[in-house]
């Protein structure tokens, strides 16, 4: 499970926050001050086990990047996906799932090509983009969700 380290602005305590919980407004373990995760946010790494529950329980819209570690276009859009996790923090949850290690979820959504970007609102699939979209198309889609 990946995590980010956020230093508390009040007491300087370093807090380790799992990326799967970064959007839940974490608080400092030492003083209880709310931590600002926006500048350090990363895409949430999902798997076959936690995918359905995460999507259903998400209070914000979710964009999920279905990718493969051996896919050239997936690697090409990875920096964009990472930057959007920061830019849209608090508006849209940016997540990703490796189809090679999580074939069950990929099969459930009939993912046949990667990258595939699926968009969920209140647990329901509302749209998808297959292939590596241009930045402006993806930005427009995320803006309309958030």
N, C-alpha and C. Protein backbone atom coordinates (compact mmCIF):
# COMPACT_ATOMS: atom_id res chain seq x y z
N UNK A 1 0.85 -1.18 0.00
CA UNK A 1 0.00 0.00 0.00
C UNK A 1 0.89 1.23 0.00
N UNK A 2 0.63 2.17 -0.90
CA UNK A 2 1.45 3.38 -0.96
C UNK A 2 0.92 4.41 0.03
N UNK A 3 1.81 5.31 0.40
CA UNK A 3 1.43 6.35 1.35
C UNK A 3 2.21 7.62 1.03
N UNK A 4 1.76 8.71 1.63
CA UNK A 4 2.45 9.98 1.51
C UNK A 4 2.81 10.45 2.91
N UNK A 5 3.85 11.26 3.00
CA UNK A 5 4.27 11.84 4.28
C UNK A 5 3.88 13.31 4.24
N UNK A 6 3.09 13.73 5.24
CA UNK A 6 2.66 15.12 5.32
C UNK A 6 3.15 15.68 6.65
N UNK A 7 3.88 16.78 6.59
CA UNK A 7 4.36 17.45 7.79
C UNK A 7 3.29 18.42 8.27
N UNK A 8 2.95 18.31 9.53
CA UNK A 8 1.92 19.17 10.12
C UNK A 8 2.42 20.62 10.16
N UNK A 9 1.58 21.54 9.71
CA UNK A 9 1.94 22.96 9.70
C UNK A 9 1.94 23.56 11.11
N UNK A 10 1.29 22.89 12.06
CA UNK A 10 1.24 23.42 13.43
C UNK A 10 2.37 22.93 14.32
N UNK A 11 2.65 21.63 14.28
CA UNK A 11 3.63 21.07 15.21
C UNK A 11 4.83 20.41 14.54
N UNK A 12 4.87 20.40 13.21
CA UNK A 12 5.98 19.84 12.42
C UNK A 12 6.11 18.32 12.54
N UNK A 13 5.09 17.64 13.05
CA UNK A 13 5.12 16.19 13.09
C UNK A 13 4.93 15.65 11.69
N UNK A 14 5.72 14.65 11.34
CA UNK A 14 5.58 13.98 10.04
C UNK A 14 4.55 12.87 10.18
N UNK A 15 3.54 12.91 9.34
CA UNK A 15 2.43 11.94 9.39
C UNK A 15 2.42 11.11 8.12
N UNK A 16 2.37 9.78 8.27
CA UNK A 16 2.27 8.88 7.12
C UNK A 16 0.78 8.61 6.87
N UNK A 17 0.31 8.98 5.68
CA UNK A 17 -1.09 8.84 5.32
C UNK A 17 -1.20 7.88 4.13
N UNK A 18 -1.94 6.76 4.26
CA UNK A 18 -2.14 5.88 3.10
C UNK A 18 -2.87 6.65 2.00
N UNK A 19 -2.45 6.47 0.75
CA UNK A 19 -3.08 7.22 -0.35
C UNK A 19 -4.58 6.91 -0.44
N UNK A 20 -4.98 5.73 -0.02
CA UNK A 20 -6.40 5.36 -0.10
C UNK A 20 -7.24 6.18 0.89
N UNK A 21 -6.57 6.87 1.84
CA UNK A 21 -7.29 7.68 2.83
C UNK A 21 -6.95 9.17 2.74
N UNK A 22 -6.14 9.56 1.76
CA UNK A 22 -5.69 10.95 1.68
C UNK A 22 -6.83 11.94 1.46
N UNK A 23 -7.90 11.51 0.84
CA UNK A 23 -9.03 12.40 0.53
C UNK A 23 -10.01 12.53 1.70
N UNK A 24 -9.75 11.83 2.81
CA UNK A 24 -10.67 11.84 3.96
C UNK A 24 -10.31 12.90 5.00
N UNK A 25 -9.58 13.94 4.58
CA UNK A 25 -9.19 15.04 5.44
C UNK A 25 -8.48 14.55 6.70
N UNK A 26 -7.29 13.97 6.53
CA UNK A 26 -6.56 13.42 7.67
C UNK A 26 -6.14 14.51 8.65
N UNK A 27 -5.94 14.07 9.91
CA UNK A 27 -5.51 14.98 10.98
C UNK A 27 -4.16 14.52 11.50
N UNK A 28 -3.42 15.46 12.04
CA UNK A 28 -2.12 15.18 12.62
C UNK A 28 -2.27 14.23 13.81
N UNK A 29 -1.45 13.22 13.85
CA UNK A 29 -1.50 12.25 14.94
C UNK A 29 -1.06 12.86 16.27
N UNK A 30 -0.30 13.93 16.21
CA UNK A 30 0.21 14.55 17.43
C UNK A 30 -0.73 15.63 17.99
N UNK A 31 -1.14 16.59 17.14
CA UNK A 31 -1.91 17.73 17.66
C UNK A 31 -3.35 17.79 17.14
N UNK A 32 -3.70 16.96 16.16
CA UNK A 32 -5.07 16.92 15.66
C UNK A 32 -5.41 17.95 14.60
N UNK A 33 -4.44 18.73 14.17
CA UNK A 33 -4.66 19.73 13.13
C UNK A 33 -4.93 19.02 11.79
N UNK A 34 -5.87 19.57 11.03
CA UNK A 34 -6.16 19.00 9.71
C UNK A 34 -4.95 19.18 8.80
N UNK A 35 -4.57 18.11 8.11
CA UNK A 35 -3.41 18.12 7.23
C UNK A 35 -3.81 18.46 5.81
N UNK A 36 -2.97 19.24 5.14
CA UNK A 36 -3.22 19.60 3.75
C UNK A 36 -2.50 18.61 2.84
N UNK A 37 -3.26 17.69 2.26
CA UNK A 37 -2.68 16.64 1.41
C UNK A 37 -2.66 17.01 -0.06
N UNK A 38 -3.25 18.12 -0.42
CA UNK A 38 -3.41 18.46 -1.84
C UNK A 38 -2.10 18.53 -2.60
N UNK A 39 -1.06 19.10 -2.02
CA UNK A 39 0.20 19.29 -2.74
C UNK A 39 1.01 18.01 -2.86
N UNK A 40 0.65 17.00 -2.07
CA UNK A 40 1.39 15.75 -2.10
C UNK A 40 0.54 14.57 -2.56
N UNK A 41 -0.68 14.84 -2.95
CA UNK A 41 -1.61 13.77 -3.32
C UNK A 41 -1.06 12.92 -4.46
N UNK A 42 -1.35 11.64 -4.37
CA UNK A 42 -1.00 10.67 -5.41
C UNK A 42 -2.26 9.93 -5.82
N UNK A 43 -2.27 9.32 -6.99
CA UNK A 43 -3.42 8.50 -7.34
C UNK A 43 -3.58 7.36 -6.32
N UNK A 44 -4.83 7.06 -5.98
CA UNK A 44 -5.13 5.98 -5.06
C UNK A 44 -4.93 4.66 -5.79
N UNK A 45 -4.13 3.77 -5.23
CA UNK A 45 -3.90 2.47 -5.85
C UNK A 45 -4.95 1.48 -5.36
N UNK A 46 -5.79 1.03 -6.29
CA UNK A 46 -6.85 0.09 -5.95
C UNK A 46 -6.48 -1.31 -6.42
N UNK A 47 -7.21 -2.30 -5.91
CA UNK A 47 -7.00 -3.68 -6.33
C UNK A 47 -8.34 -4.40 -6.38
N UNK A 48 -8.32 -5.67 -6.78
CA UNK A 48 -9.57 -6.44 -6.90
C UNK A 48 -10.32 -6.51 -5.57
N UNK A 49 -9.60 -6.52 -4.47
CA UNK A 49 -10.22 -6.67 -3.15
C UNK A 49 -10.97 -5.42 -2.70
N UNK A 50 -10.38 -4.24 -2.92
CA UNK A 50 -10.99 -3.03 -2.36
C UNK A 50 -11.70 -2.15 -3.38
N UNK A 51 -11.66 -2.50 -4.65
CA UNK A 51 -12.20 -1.64 -5.70
C UNK A 51 -13.68 -1.30 -5.48
N UNK A 52 -14.53 -2.31 -5.40
CA UNK A 52 -15.98 -2.07 -5.31
C UNK A 52 -16.35 -1.25 -4.09
N UNK A 53 -15.79 -1.59 -2.93
CA UNK A 53 -16.15 -0.86 -1.72
C UNK A 53 -15.66 0.58 -1.79
N UNK A 54 -14.47 0.80 -2.34
CA UNK A 54 -13.95 2.16 -2.45
C UNK A 54 -14.85 3.01 -3.34
N UNK A 55 -15.21 2.49 -4.49
CA UNK A 55 -16.05 3.24 -5.43
C UNK A 55 -17.42 3.55 -4.82
N UNK A 56 -18.01 2.57 -4.14
CA UNK A 56 -19.34 2.77 -3.54
C UNK A 56 -19.32 3.78 -2.41
N UNK A 57 -18.23 3.80 -1.63
CA UNK A 57 -18.16 4.65 -0.45
C UNK A 57 -17.59 6.04 -0.74
N UNK A 58 -17.08 6.27 -1.94
CA UNK A 58 -16.45 7.55 -2.26
C UNK A 58 -17.47 8.68 -2.24
N UNK A 59 -17.16 9.71 -1.49
CA UNK A 59 -18.04 10.87 -1.40
C UNK A 59 -17.87 11.81 -2.59
N UNK A 60 -16.78 11.64 -3.32
CA UNK A 60 -16.49 12.47 -4.48
C UNK A 60 -16.55 11.62 -5.75
N UNK A 61 -16.67 12.24 -6.91
CA UNK A 61 -16.54 11.47 -8.15
C UNK A 61 -15.15 10.84 -8.21
N UNK A 62 -15.05 9.72 -8.92
CA UNK A 62 -13.79 8.99 -9.00
C UNK A 62 -13.44 8.72 -10.47
N UNK A 63 -12.20 9.01 -10.84
CA UNK A 63 -11.67 8.61 -12.13
C UNK A 63 -10.67 7.49 -11.87
N UNK A 64 -10.85 6.35 -12.53
CA UNK A 64 -9.95 5.22 -12.35
C UNK A 64 -9.21 4.96 -13.66
N UNK A 65 -7.89 4.96 -13.56
CA UNK A 65 -7.01 4.65 -14.68
C UNK A 65 -6.70 3.16 -14.64
N UNK A 66 -7.26 2.41 -15.60
CA UNK A 66 -6.92 0.99 -15.75
C UNK A 66 -5.67 0.96 -16.64
N UNK A 67 -4.57 0.46 -16.10
CA UNK A 67 -3.30 0.51 -16.81
C UNK A 67 -2.54 -0.80 -16.71
N UNK A 68 -1.48 -0.91 -17.50
CA UNK A 68 -0.55 -2.03 -17.44
C UNK A 68 0.86 -1.48 -17.34
N UNK A 69 1.70 -2.14 -16.57
CA UNK A 69 3.07 -1.66 -16.39
C UNK A 69 3.89 -1.79 -17.67
N UNK A 70 3.43 -2.59 -18.63
CA UNK A 70 4.17 -2.78 -19.87
C UNK A 70 3.61 -1.97 -21.04
N UNK A 71 2.65 -1.13 -20.78
CA UNK A 71 1.95 -0.37 -21.82
C UNK A 71 2.60 1.00 -22.03
N UNK A 72 3.05 1.27 -23.25
CA UNK A 72 3.67 2.55 -23.57
C UNK A 72 2.74 3.74 -23.37
N UNK A 73 1.52 3.72 -23.93
CA UNK A 73 0.60 4.85 -23.72
C UNK A 73 0.25 5.05 -22.23
N UNK A 74 0.19 3.96 -21.47
CA UNK A 74 -0.07 4.07 -20.03
C UNK A 74 1.05 4.84 -19.35
N UNK A 75 2.27 4.51 -19.71
CA UNK A 75 3.43 5.21 -19.14
C UNK A 75 3.44 6.67 -19.58
N UNK A 76 2.98 6.93 -20.80
CA UNK A 76 2.98 8.30 -21.32
C UNK A 76 2.00 9.20 -20.57
N UNK A 77 0.84 8.67 -20.18
CA UNK A 77 -0.13 9.51 -19.47
C UNK A 77 0.03 9.46 -17.95
N UNK A 78 0.91 8.61 -17.43
CA UNK A 78 1.10 8.50 -15.98
C UNK A 78 1.45 9.84 -15.31
N UNK A 79 2.36 10.65 -15.88
CA UNK A 79 2.62 11.94 -15.25
C UNK A 79 1.40 12.86 -15.21
N UNK A 80 0.57 12.80 -16.23
CA UNK A 80 -0.65 13.58 -16.27
C UNK A 80 -1.62 13.11 -15.19
N UNK A 81 -1.76 11.79 -15.05
CA UNK A 81 -2.64 11.23 -14.01
C UNK A 81 -2.14 11.67 -12.64
N UNK A 82 -0.82 11.62 -12.42
CA UNK A 82 -0.26 12.04 -11.14
C UNK A 82 -0.52 13.51 -10.87
N UNK A 83 -0.34 14.37 -11.86
CA UNK A 83 -0.57 15.80 -11.65
C UNK A 83 -2.04 16.11 -11.41
N UNK A 84 -2.93 15.37 -12.07
CA UNK A 84 -4.36 15.60 -11.86
C UNK A 84 -4.80 15.17 -10.46
N UNK A 85 -4.11 14.22 -9.85
CA UNK A 85 -4.47 13.83 -8.48
C UNK A 85 -4.26 15.00 -7.52
N UNK A 86 -3.27 15.85 -7.82
CA UNK A 86 -3.03 17.04 -7.00
C UNK A 86 -3.98 18.17 -7.38
N UNK A 87 -4.10 18.41 -8.69
CA UNK A 87 -4.89 19.52 -9.19
C UNK A 87 -6.38 19.41 -8.83
N UNK A 88 -6.91 18.20 -8.88
CA UNK A 88 -8.33 18.00 -8.63
C UNK A 88 -8.61 17.46 -7.23
N UNK A 89 -7.61 17.51 -6.36
CA UNK A 89 -7.77 17.03 -4.99
C UNK A 89 -8.92 17.78 -4.31
N UNK A 90 -9.80 17.04 -3.69
CA UNK A 90 -10.96 17.63 -3.04
C UNK A 90 -12.17 17.79 -3.96
N UNK A 91 -11.97 17.55 -5.26
CA UNK A 91 -13.06 17.65 -6.24
C UNK A 91 -13.35 16.30 -6.88
N UNK A 92 -12.27 15.60 -7.28
CA UNK A 92 -12.37 14.28 -7.92
C UNK A 92 -11.26 13.42 -7.35
N UNK A 93 -11.58 12.19 -7.00
CA UNK A 93 -10.56 11.25 -6.55
C UNK A 93 -9.97 10.59 -7.78
N UNK A 94 -8.66 10.68 -7.92
CA UNK A 94 -7.95 10.04 -9.03
C UNK A 94 -7.38 8.72 -8.50
N UNK A 95 -7.74 7.64 -9.16
CA UNK A 95 -7.30 6.31 -8.73
C UNK A 95 -6.73 5.56 -9.92
N UNK A 96 -6.05 4.45 -9.62
CA UNK A 96 -5.53 3.61 -10.69
C UNK A 96 -5.55 2.16 -10.24
N UNK A 97 -5.61 1.27 -11.24
CA UNK A 97 -5.59 -0.16 -10.97
C UNK A 97 -4.80 -0.86 -12.07
N UNK A 98 -3.85 -1.67 -11.65
CA UNK A 98 -3.00 -2.43 -12.58
C UNK A 98 -3.78 -3.65 -13.05
N UNK A 99 -4.10 -3.69 -14.33
CA UNK A 99 -4.92 -4.79 -14.87
C UNK A 99 -4.19 -6.12 -14.87
N UNK A 100 -2.86 -6.09 -14.91
CA UNK A 100 -2.10 -7.33 -14.89
C UNK A 100 -2.18 -8.05 -13.55
N UNK A 101 -2.21 -7.28 -12.47
CA UNK A 101 -2.28 -7.85 -11.13
C UNK A 101 -3.70 -7.95 -10.61
N UNK A 102 -4.66 -7.34 -11.29
CA UNK A 102 -6.05 -7.31 -10.84
C UNK A 102 -6.99 -7.61 -11.99
N UNK A 103 -6.94 -8.83 -12.51
CA UNK A 103 -7.74 -9.16 -13.70
C UNK A 103 -9.24 -9.22 -13.42
N UNK A 104 -9.63 -9.47 -12.19
CA UNK A 104 -11.06 -9.59 -11.88
C UNK A 104 -11.82 -8.31 -12.14
N UNK A 105 -11.30 -7.20 -11.67
CA UNK A 105 -11.96 -5.91 -11.88
C UNK A 105 -11.93 -5.53 -13.35
N UNK A 106 -10.81 -5.79 -14.01
CA UNK A 106 -10.72 -5.49 -15.45
C UNK A 106 -11.75 -6.31 -16.23
N UNK A 107 -11.91 -7.57 -15.88
CA UNK A 107 -12.91 -8.41 -16.57
C UNK A 107 -14.32 -7.93 -16.28
N UNK A 108 -14.58 -7.52 -15.03
CA UNK A 108 -15.91 -7.06 -14.66
C UNK A 108 -16.35 -5.86 -15.53
N UNK A 109 -15.41 -4.97 -15.80
CA UNK A 109 -15.73 -3.78 -16.60
C UNK A 109 -15.40 -3.96 -18.08
N UNK A 110 -15.09 -5.21 -18.48
CA UNK A 110 -14.81 -5.54 -19.88
C UNK A 110 -13.70 -4.66 -20.47
N UNK A 111 -12.64 -4.49 -19.69
CA UNK A 111 -11.49 -3.72 -20.16
C UNK A 111 -10.70 -4.58 -21.13
N UNK A 112 -10.61 -4.14 -22.37
CA UNK A 112 -9.89 -4.91 -23.39
C UNK A 112 -8.65 -4.18 -23.87
N UNK A 113 -8.59 -2.91 -23.61
CA UNK A 113 -7.43 -2.12 -24.00
C UNK A 113 -7.06 -1.15 -22.91
N UNK A 114 -5.78 -0.91 -22.75
CA UNK A 114 -5.31 0.05 -21.76
C UNK A 114 -4.48 1.11 -22.47
N UNK A 115 -4.48 2.31 -21.96
CA UNK A 115 -5.20 2.74 -20.78
C UNK A 115 -6.70 2.89 -21.05
N UNK A 116 -7.47 2.62 -20.03
CA UNK A 116 -8.90 2.88 -20.05
C UNK A 116 -9.22 3.68 -18.80
N UNK A 117 -9.91 4.78 -18.98
CA UNK A 117 -10.27 5.64 -17.86
C UNK A 117 -11.76 5.54 -17.63
N UNK A 118 -12.15 5.11 -16.43
CA UNK A 118 -13.56 4.99 -16.07
C UNK A 118 -13.91 6.06 -15.06
N UNK A 119 -15.10 6.62 -15.19
CA UNK A 119 -15.54 7.72 -14.34
C UNK A 119 -16.78 7.29 -13.57
N UNK A 120 -16.74 7.44 -12.25
CA UNK A 120 -17.83 7.03 -11.38
C UNK A 120 -18.34 8.22 -10.58
N UNK A 121 -19.65 8.28 -10.42
CA UNK A 121 -20.29 9.27 -9.57
C UNK A 121 -21.27 8.53 -8.67
N UNK A 122 -21.10 8.69 -7.37
CA UNK A 122 -21.95 8.02 -6.37
C UNK A 122 -22.00 6.50 -6.61
N UNK A 123 -20.85 5.94 -6.99
CA UNK A 123 -20.75 4.50 -7.18
C UNK A 123 -21.18 3.98 -8.54
N UNK A 124 -21.73 4.85 -9.38
CA UNK A 124 -22.22 4.44 -10.70
C UNK A 124 -21.24 4.86 -11.80
N UNK A 125 -21.01 3.95 -12.74
CA UNK A 125 -20.18 4.25 -13.90
C UNK A 125 -20.95 5.22 -14.79
N UNK A 126 -20.35 6.39 -15.07
CA UNK A 126 -21.03 7.39 -15.87
C UNK A 126 -20.37 7.63 -17.23
N UNK A 127 -19.11 7.24 -17.37
CA UNK A 127 -18.44 7.45 -18.66
C UNK A 127 -17.12 6.68 -18.67
N UNK A 128 -16.56 6.53 -19.87
CA UNK A 128 -15.24 5.94 -19.98
C UNK A 128 -14.56 6.42 -21.24
N UNK A 129 -13.22 6.44 -21.18
CA UNK A 129 -12.39 6.82 -22.30
C UNK A 129 -11.38 5.69 -22.49
N UNK A 130 -11.31 5.14 -23.69
CA UNK A 130 -10.33 4.10 -23.98
C UNK A 130 -9.21 4.73 -24.77
N UNK A 131 -7.99 4.47 -24.35
CA UNK A 131 -6.82 5.05 -24.99
C UNK A 131 -6.33 6.24 -24.21
N UNK A 132 -5.23 6.79 -24.65
CA UNK A 132 -4.61 7.95 -23.98
C UNK A 132 -5.21 9.23 -24.55
N UNK A 133 -6.09 9.89 -23.80
CA UNK A 133 -6.74 11.09 -24.32
C UNK A 133 -5.81 12.30 -24.26
N UNK A 134 -6.08 13.31 -25.08
CA UNK A 134 -5.33 14.56 -24.96
C UNK A 134 -5.61 15.20 -23.60
N UNK A 135 -4.64 15.96 -23.11
CA UNK A 135 -4.77 16.58 -21.79
C UNK A 135 -6.02 17.44 -21.68
N UNK A 136 -6.33 18.23 -22.69
CA UNK A 136 -7.50 19.12 -22.61
C UNK A 136 -8.81 18.34 -22.53
N UNK A 137 -8.90 17.20 -23.21
CA UNK A 137 -10.11 16.38 -23.14
C UNK A 137 -10.28 15.81 -21.73
N UNK A 138 -9.20 15.33 -21.14
CA UNK A 138 -9.26 14.77 -19.80
C UNK A 138 -9.55 15.86 -18.77
N UNK A 139 -8.93 17.00 -18.93
CA UNK A 139 -9.17 18.12 -18.01
C UNK A 139 -10.64 18.55 -18.06
N UNK A 140 -11.20 18.62 -19.27
CA UNK A 140 -12.61 18.99 -19.43
C UNK A 140 -13.52 17.98 -18.75
N UNK A 141 -13.21 16.70 -18.88
CA UNK A 141 -14.01 15.65 -18.26
C UNK A 141 -13.95 15.74 -16.73
N UNK A 142 -12.76 15.93 -16.19
CA UNK A 142 -12.62 16.03 -14.74
C UNK A 142 -13.30 17.30 -14.20
N UNK A 143 -13.20 18.38 -14.93
CA UNK A 143 -13.86 19.62 -14.50
C UNK A 143 -15.38 19.44 -14.47
N UNK A 144 -15.92 18.72 -15.44
CA UNK A 144 -17.37 18.50 -15.47
C UNK A 144 -17.83 17.58 -14.32
N UNK A 145 -16.96 16.69 -13.87
CA UNK A 145 -17.31 15.81 -12.75
C UNK A 145 -17.24 16.54 -11.41
N UNK A 146 -16.20 17.37 -11.25
CA UNK A 146 -15.97 18.01 -9.97
C UNK A 146 -16.65 19.32 -9.88
